[in-house]
């Protein structure tokens, strides 16, 4: 399907499975009481590239997560995104159902 004809945003073929991997890491982190995770840490735990994690979180998971970018570090030229689940009670099935609407 062509993006011009479909009227929908274009996404990569593995976006849904990547989002599920990221969700599982964030859910496990929440259960362990770890709080916020960096994009790099999520990438390491999922086996995905940092760019893939960052893009998936920004474009497809914004309503499931809370993101913090510490300003103190931006002043020295370091931009780190810290991420956690916005609602720790959401389950994987609800997340997939909600994402299906967007796909």
N, C-alpha and C. Protein backbone atom coordinates (compact mmCIF):
# COMPACT_ATOMS: atom_id res chain seq x y z
N UNK A 1 0.83 -1.17 0.00
CA UNK A 1 0.00 0.00 0.00
C UNK A 1 0.88 1.25 0.00
N UNK A 2 0.57 2.15 -0.83
CA UNK A 2 1.32 3.39 -0.96
C UNK A 2 0.88 4.37 0.12
N UNK A 3 1.83 5.08 0.71
CA UNK A 3 1.50 6.03 1.78
C UNK A 3 0.60 7.15 1.27
N UNK A 4 0.74 7.53 0.01
CA UNK A 4 -0.09 8.61 -0.53
C UNK A 4 -1.54 8.16 -0.71
N UNK A 5 -1.74 6.89 -1.01
CA UNK A 5 -3.09 6.39 -1.25
C UNK A 5 -3.76 5.88 0.01
N UNK A 6 -2.99 5.48 0.99
CA UNK A 6 -3.57 4.87 2.18
C UNK A 6 -4.07 5.88 3.20
N UNK A 7 -3.46 7.06 3.24
CA UNK A 7 -3.85 8.04 4.24
C UNK A 7 -3.34 7.73 5.63
N UNK A 8 -2.54 6.69 5.77
CA UNK A 8 -2.00 6.29 7.07
C UNK A 8 -0.50 6.51 7.10
N UNK A 9 0.03 6.62 8.30
CA UNK A 9 1.48 6.76 8.45
C UNK A 9 2.16 5.46 8.06
N UNK A 10 3.30 5.56 7.43
CA UNK A 10 4.05 4.38 7.03
C UNK A 10 4.84 3.86 8.23
N UNK A 11 4.91 2.56 8.39
CA UNK A 11 5.68 1.97 9.48
C UNK A 11 6.47 0.79 8.94
N UNK A 12 7.51 0.45 9.66
CA UNK A 12 8.35 -0.67 9.28
C UNK A 12 7.65 -1.97 9.60
N UNK A 13 8.03 -3.05 8.91
CA UNK A 13 7.32 -4.32 9.04
C UNK A 13 7.39 -4.92 10.44
N UNK A 14 8.43 -4.63 11.21
CA UNK A 14 8.59 -5.21 12.54
C UNK A 14 8.16 -4.28 13.66
N UNK A 15 7.49 -3.20 13.34
CA UNK A 15 7.15 -2.20 14.35
C UNK A 15 6.34 -2.80 15.48
N UNK A 16 5.34 -3.59 15.16
CA UNK A 16 4.48 -4.17 16.20
C UNK A 16 5.27 -5.09 17.12
N UNK A 17 6.09 -5.98 16.57
CA UNK A 17 6.87 -6.90 17.41
C UNK A 17 7.92 -6.14 18.22
N UNK A 18 8.48 -5.08 17.66
CA UNK A 18 9.44 -4.25 18.40
C UNK A 18 8.75 -3.55 19.56
N UNK A 19 7.55 -3.04 19.32
CA UNK A 19 6.80 -2.36 20.39
C UNK A 19 6.47 -3.34 21.52
N UNK A 20 6.15 -4.56 21.17
CA UNK A 20 5.86 -5.57 22.19
C UNK A 20 7.10 -5.89 23.00
N UNK A 21 8.26 -6.02 22.35
CA UNK A 21 9.51 -6.25 23.07
C UNK A 21 9.81 -5.11 24.04
N UNK A 22 9.64 -3.88 23.57
CA UNK A 22 9.89 -2.71 24.40
C UNK A 22 8.92 -2.68 25.57
N UNK A 23 7.64 -2.95 25.30
CA UNK A 23 6.63 -2.97 26.35
C UNK A 23 6.99 -4.00 27.43
N UNK A 24 7.40 -5.18 27.01
CA UNK A 24 7.75 -6.23 27.98
C UNK A 24 8.92 -5.82 28.86
N UNK A 25 9.91 -5.16 28.28
CA UNK A 25 11.05 -4.69 29.06
C UNK A 25 10.60 -3.63 30.07
N UNK A 26 9.76 -2.71 29.62
CA UNK A 26 9.28 -1.65 30.53
C UNK A 26 8.39 -2.23 31.63
N UNK A 27 7.57 -3.20 31.29
CA UNK A 27 6.70 -3.85 32.28
C UNK A 27 7.54 -4.58 33.33
N UNK A 28 8.54 -5.32 32.87
CA UNK A 28 9.42 -6.05 33.80
C UNK A 28 10.19 -5.07 34.68
N UNK A 29 10.66 -3.98 34.10
CA UNK A 29 11.37 -2.96 34.85
C UNK A 29 10.48 -2.37 35.94
N UNK A 30 9.23 -2.14 35.61
CA UNK A 30 8.28 -1.60 36.58
C UNK A 30 8.04 -2.60 37.71
N UNK A 31 7.91 -3.88 37.37
CA UNK A 31 7.69 -4.92 38.38
C UNK A 31 8.87 -5.03 39.33
N UNK A 32 10.08 -4.77 38.80
CA UNK A 32 11.28 -4.84 39.64
C UNK A 32 11.55 -3.53 40.37
N UNK A 33 10.72 -2.51 40.11
CA UNK A 33 10.88 -1.23 40.78
C UNK A 33 12.07 -0.42 40.30
N UNK A 34 12.46 -0.60 39.06
CA UNK A 34 13.65 0.08 38.53
C UNK A 34 13.40 1.52 38.11
N UNK A 35 12.16 1.90 37.91
CA UNK A 35 11.87 3.28 37.51
C UNK A 35 12.15 3.50 36.03
N UNK A 36 12.75 4.65 35.72
CA UNK A 36 13.01 5.02 34.34
C UNK A 36 14.19 4.24 33.77
N UNK A 37 14.09 3.89 32.47
CA UNK A 37 15.19 3.26 31.74
C UNK A 37 15.58 4.16 30.58
N UNK A 38 16.86 4.18 30.25
CA UNK A 38 17.32 4.95 29.10
C UNK A 38 17.02 4.15 27.82
N UNK A 39 16.97 4.85 26.70
CA UNK A 39 16.76 4.20 25.41
C UNK A 39 17.86 3.16 25.18
N UNK A 40 19.10 3.48 25.56
CA UNK A 40 20.21 2.55 25.39
C UNK A 40 20.01 1.27 26.20
N UNK A 41 19.50 1.40 27.42
CA UNK A 41 19.27 0.23 28.26
C UNK A 41 18.13 -0.63 27.69
N UNK A 42 17.09 0.01 27.21
CA UNK A 42 15.99 -0.74 26.58
C UNK A 42 16.51 -1.47 25.35
N UNK A 43 17.34 -0.79 24.56
CA UNK A 43 17.92 -1.41 23.36
C UNK A 43 18.76 -2.62 23.74
N UNK A 44 19.55 -2.49 24.79
CA UNK A 44 20.40 -3.60 25.23
C UNK A 44 19.55 -4.79 25.67
N UNK A 45 18.49 -4.53 26.41
CA UNK A 45 17.65 -5.62 26.93
C UNK A 45 16.79 -6.27 25.85
N UNK A 46 16.41 -5.53 24.83
CA UNK A 46 15.58 -6.09 23.77
C UNK A 46 16.39 -6.67 22.62
N UNK A 47 17.64 -6.24 22.50
CA UNK A 47 18.45 -6.67 21.37
C UNK A 47 18.19 -5.85 20.12
N UNK A 48 17.47 -4.74 20.26
CA UNK A 48 17.17 -3.85 19.14
C UNK A 48 18.20 -2.73 19.08
N UNK A 49 18.31 -2.09 17.95
CA UNK A 49 19.20 -0.94 17.80
C UNK A 49 18.59 0.26 18.54
N UNK A 50 19.44 1.14 19.06
CA UNK A 50 18.97 2.33 19.79
C UNK A 50 18.04 3.18 18.93
N UNK A 51 18.37 3.36 17.66
CA UNK A 51 17.54 4.17 16.78
C UNK A 51 16.14 3.56 16.65
N UNK A 52 16.08 2.24 16.53
CA UNK A 52 14.80 1.54 16.41
C UNK A 52 13.96 1.74 17.66
N UNK A 53 14.57 1.61 18.82
CA UNK A 53 13.86 1.80 20.09
C UNK A 53 13.36 3.25 20.20
N UNK A 54 14.23 4.20 19.93
CA UNK A 54 13.86 5.61 20.04
C UNK A 54 12.71 5.95 19.10
N UNK A 55 12.79 5.50 17.87
CA UNK A 55 11.76 5.79 16.87
C UNK A 55 10.43 5.13 17.25
N UNK A 56 10.47 3.89 17.68
CA UNK A 56 9.25 3.18 18.07
C UNK A 56 8.59 3.85 19.26
N UNK A 57 9.39 4.23 20.25
CA UNK A 57 8.85 4.90 21.43
C UNK A 57 8.24 6.24 21.05
N UNK A 58 8.94 7.01 20.23
CA UNK A 58 8.44 8.34 19.85
C UNK A 58 7.18 8.29 19.01
N UNK A 59 7.16 7.41 18.01
CA UNK A 59 6.06 7.41 17.05
C UNK A 59 4.86 6.56 17.44
N UNK A 60 5.08 5.45 18.11
CA UNK A 60 4.01 4.49 18.31
C UNK A 60 3.63 4.23 19.75
N UNK A 61 4.46 4.63 20.71
CA UNK A 61 4.18 4.27 22.10
C UNK A 61 3.99 5.48 23.01
N UNK A 62 3.83 6.64 22.43
CA UNK A 62 3.75 7.87 23.21
C UNK A 62 2.66 7.89 24.27
N UNK A 63 1.53 7.25 24.00
CA UNK A 63 0.43 7.28 24.97
C UNK A 63 0.54 6.18 26.03
N UNK A 64 1.56 5.32 25.94
CA UNK A 64 1.78 4.28 26.95
C UNK A 64 2.89 4.62 27.92
N UNK A 65 3.69 5.62 27.59
CA UNK A 65 4.91 5.87 28.36
C UNK A 65 4.98 7.30 28.89
N UNK A 66 5.85 7.46 29.85
CA UNK A 66 6.28 8.78 30.32
C UNK A 66 7.74 8.91 29.93
N UNK A 67 8.08 10.06 29.34
CA UNK A 67 9.45 10.27 28.91
C UNK A 67 10.00 11.54 29.56
N UNK A 68 11.23 11.44 30.05
CA UNK A 68 11.91 12.58 30.66
C UNK A 68 13.24 12.77 29.94
N UNK A 69 13.54 14.01 29.60
CA UNK A 69 14.84 14.34 29.01
C UNK A 69 15.49 15.35 29.95
N UNK A 70 16.46 14.91 30.76
CA UNK A 70 17.07 15.80 31.75
C UNK A 70 17.75 17.01 31.09
N UNK A 71 17.30 18.20 31.46
CA UNK A 71 17.85 19.43 30.89
C UNK A 71 19.29 19.68 31.32
N UNK A 72 19.64 19.23 32.51
CA UNK A 72 21.00 19.45 33.00
C UNK A 72 22.04 18.84 32.07
N UNK A 73 21.68 17.70 31.50
CA UNK A 73 22.61 17.02 30.61
C UNK A 73 22.62 17.63 29.21
N UNK A 74 21.50 18.24 28.82
CA UNK A 74 21.44 18.88 27.51
C UNK A 74 22.40 20.06 27.43
N UNK A 75 22.64 20.73 28.57
CA UNK A 75 23.54 21.89 28.59
C UNK A 75 24.97 21.50 28.25
N UNK A 76 25.32 20.25 28.48
CA UNK A 76 26.67 19.79 28.15
C UNK A 76 26.68 18.99 26.85
N UNK A 77 25.56 19.01 26.11
CA UNK A 77 25.50 18.37 24.81
C UNK A 77 25.11 16.90 24.83
N UNK A 78 24.54 16.44 25.93
CA UNK A 78 24.14 15.04 26.05
C UNK A 78 22.62 14.97 26.15
N UNK A 79 22.00 14.30 25.20
CA UNK A 79 20.54 14.17 25.20
C UNK A 79 20.18 12.72 25.48
N UNK A 80 19.63 12.49 26.66
CA UNK A 80 19.24 11.14 27.07
C UNK A 80 17.74 11.13 27.32
N UNK A 81 17.07 10.14 26.75
CA UNK A 81 15.64 9.95 27.00
C UNK A 81 15.49 8.87 28.06
N UNK A 82 14.77 9.20 29.10
CA UNK A 82 14.46 8.23 30.14
C UNK A 82 12.98 7.88 30.03
N UNK A 83 12.66 6.59 30.02
CA UNK A 83 11.31 6.13 29.70
C UNK A 83 10.81 5.16 30.76
N UNK A 84 9.50 5.23 31.04
CA UNK A 84 8.83 4.23 31.88
C UNK A 84 7.36 4.16 31.46
N UNK A 85 6.67 3.13 31.90
CA UNK A 85 5.26 3.01 31.58
C UNK A 85 4.47 4.08 32.31
N UNK A 86 3.54 4.71 31.60
CA UNK A 86 2.69 5.72 32.22
C UNK A 86 1.68 5.07 33.16
N UNK A 87 1.14 3.93 32.74
CA UNK A 87 0.18 3.20 33.55
C UNK A 87 0.72 1.79 33.79
N UNK A 88 1.25 1.52 34.96
CA UNK A 88 1.84 0.21 35.23
C UNK A 88 0.82 -0.93 35.20
N UNK A 89 -0.48 -0.61 35.26
CA UNK A 89 -1.51 -1.65 35.29
C UNK A 89 -1.93 -2.12 33.90
N UNK A 90 -1.48 -1.45 32.85
CA UNK A 90 -1.86 -1.86 31.50
C UNK A 90 -1.23 -3.21 31.18
N UNK A 91 -2.00 -4.06 30.52
CA UNK A 91 -1.46 -5.36 30.15
C UNK A 91 -1.12 -5.37 28.66
N UNK A 92 -0.38 -6.39 28.26
CA UNK A 92 0.11 -6.48 26.89
C UNK A 92 -1.03 -6.53 25.88
N UNK A 93 -2.09 -7.25 26.21
CA UNK A 93 -3.23 -7.38 25.30
C UNK A 93 -3.88 -6.02 25.03
N UNK A 94 -4.03 -5.21 26.06
CA UNK A 94 -4.60 -3.87 25.89
C UNK A 94 -3.70 -2.99 25.05
N UNK A 95 -2.40 -3.12 25.26
CA UNK A 95 -1.44 -2.33 24.49
C UNK A 95 -1.51 -2.71 23.02
N UNK A 96 -1.57 -4.00 22.73
CA UNK A 96 -1.63 -4.47 21.34
C UNK A 96 -2.93 -4.01 20.70
N UNK A 97 -4.03 -4.10 21.41
CA UNK A 97 -5.32 -3.68 20.88
C UNK A 97 -5.31 -2.20 20.56
N UNK A 98 -4.75 -1.42 21.44
CA UNK A 98 -4.68 0.02 21.23
C UNK A 98 -3.78 0.37 20.05
N UNK A 99 -2.67 -0.35 19.92
CA UNK A 99 -1.76 -0.10 18.80
C UNK A 99 -2.37 -0.54 17.48
N UNK A 100 -3.22 -1.56 17.50
CA UNK A 100 -3.86 -2.05 16.28
C UNK A 100 -4.71 -0.96 15.63
N UNK A 101 -5.26 -0.12 16.43
CA UNK A 101 -6.07 0.99 15.91
C UNK A 101 -5.20 1.93 15.09
N UNK A 102 -3.96 2.13 15.53
CA UNK A 102 -3.06 3.03 14.84
C UNK A 102 -2.47 2.42 13.58
N UNK A 103 -2.33 1.09 13.54
CA UNK A 103 -1.73 0.43 12.37
C UNK A 103 -2.72 0.32 11.30
